[in-house]
């Protein structure tokens, strides 16, 4: 799975650095280092008024904030890799 977090200026202002840290921590916590390629991307053209844009393989998710990260991770990452996650 490839997860690309927008680090363009708009998403940077909206907290993309915090999202990157949360993603790194979640990948480590669930033992997904060999399952996820984490990358940054510049503007994807999907700017949202509240939050960061993240591409998960070919799916675009907008509006992710540090407060909504856990729900994003469960829905768009964990659920797709559940059998490969550490409990």
Protein backbone atom coordinates (compact mmCIF):
# COMPACT_ATOMS: atom_id res chain seq x y z
CA UNK A 1 0.00 0.00 0.00
CA UNK A 2 1.26 3.48 -0.84
CA UNK A 3 0.20 6.34 1.42
CA UNK A 4 1.06 9.83 0.19
CA UNK A 5 0.47 12.75 2.52
CA UNK A 6 0.26 16.18 0.92
CA UNK A 7 2.94 18.46 2.32
CA UNK A 8 2.19 21.40 0.02
CA UNK A 9 1.86 24.83 1.57
CA UNK A 10 -1.90 24.67 2.18
CA UNK A 11 -1.77 21.22 3.79
CA UNK A 12 1.38 22.16 5.71
CA UNK A 13 -0.50 25.03 7.33
CA UNK A 14 -3.35 22.63 8.16
CA UNK A 15 -1.08 20.22 10.05
CA UNK A 16 0.42 17.79 7.57
CA UNK A 17 3.58 17.46 9.70
CA UNK A 18 1.44 16.20 12.61
CA UNK A 19 -0.37 13.80 10.27
CA UNK A 20 2.98 12.44 9.04
CA UNK A 21 4.07 11.81 12.65
CA UNK A 22 0.77 10.13 13.51
CA UNK A 23 1.04 7.93 10.41
CA UNK A 24 4.62 6.91 11.24
CA UNK A 25 3.56 6.03 14.78
CA UNK A 26 0.54 4.02 13.59
CA UNK A 27 2.65 2.12 11.04
CA UNK A 28 5.12 1.19 13.77
CA UNK A 29 2.43 0.37 16.35
CA UNK A 30 0.68 -2.06 14.01
CA UNK A 31 3.89 -3.53 12.55
CA UNK A 32 3.12 -2.37 9.02
CA UNK A 33 6.61 -1.25 8.06
CA UNK A 34 6.76 -3.86 5.29
CA UNK A 35 3.19 -3.24 4.10
CA UNK A 36 3.08 0.55 3.70
CA UNK A 37 5.24 2.89 1.70
CA UNK A 38 4.87 6.34 3.24
CA UNK A 39 5.61 9.30 1.01
CA UNK A 40 5.05 13.02 0.84
CA UNK A 41 3.53 14.75 -2.14
CA UNK A 42 3.14 18.33 -3.12
CA UNK A 43 -0.25 19.79 -3.96
CA UNK A 44 -2.64 17.19 -5.30
CA UNK A 45 -5.14 19.83 -6.38
CA UNK A 46 -7.67 18.64 -3.82
CA UNK A 47 -7.31 21.39 -1.25
CA UNK A 48 -9.94 21.29 1.45
CA UNK A 49 -10.88 24.04 3.85
CA UNK A 50 -10.28 21.84 6.87
CA UNK A 51 -7.50 19.34 6.83
CA UNK A 52 -4.92 17.52 4.80
CA UNK A 53 -5.26 15.49 1.60
CA UNK A 54 -3.97 11.92 1.69
CA UNK A 55 -3.74 9.48 -1.19
CA UNK A 56 -4.08 5.81 -0.25
CA UNK A 57 -3.13 3.84 -3.34
CA UNK A 58 -5.63 5.28 -5.86
CA UNK A 59 -8.11 6.71 -3.31
CA UNK A 60 -8.04 10.42 -2.42
CA UNK A 61 -9.12 11.36 1.11
CA UNK A 62 -9.50 15.03 1.97
CA UNK A 63 -9.98 16.89 5.22
CA UNK A 64 -7.85 14.70 7.50
CA UNK A 65 -6.89 16.51 10.71
CA UNK A 66 -4.88 15.38 13.74
CA UNK A 67 -8.24 14.97 15.50
CA UNK A 68 -9.76 12.80 12.74
CA UNK A 69 -6.59 10.83 11.98
CA UNK A 70 -7.54 7.75 14.03
CA UNK A 71 -10.85 7.35 12.16
CA UNK A 72 -9.08 7.92 8.83
CA UNK A 73 -6.46 5.29 9.69
CA UNK A 74 -9.06 2.70 10.78
CA UNK A 75 -11.24 3.25 7.70
CA UNK A 76 -8.72 3.75 4.91
CA UNK A 77 -5.60 1.88 6.05
CA UNK A 78 -6.15 -0.61 8.89
CA UNK A 79 -9.32 -2.12 7.43
CA UNK A 80 -7.50 -2.92 4.18
CA UNK A 81 -4.49 -4.48 5.91
CA UNK A 82 -6.15 -5.95 9.00
CA UNK A 83 -4.86 -9.48 8.42
CA UNK A 84 -1.30 -8.16 8.19
CA UNK A 85 -1.42 -5.99 11.31
CA UNK A 86 0.11 -6.78 14.65
CA UNK A 87 -2.66 -7.00 17.29
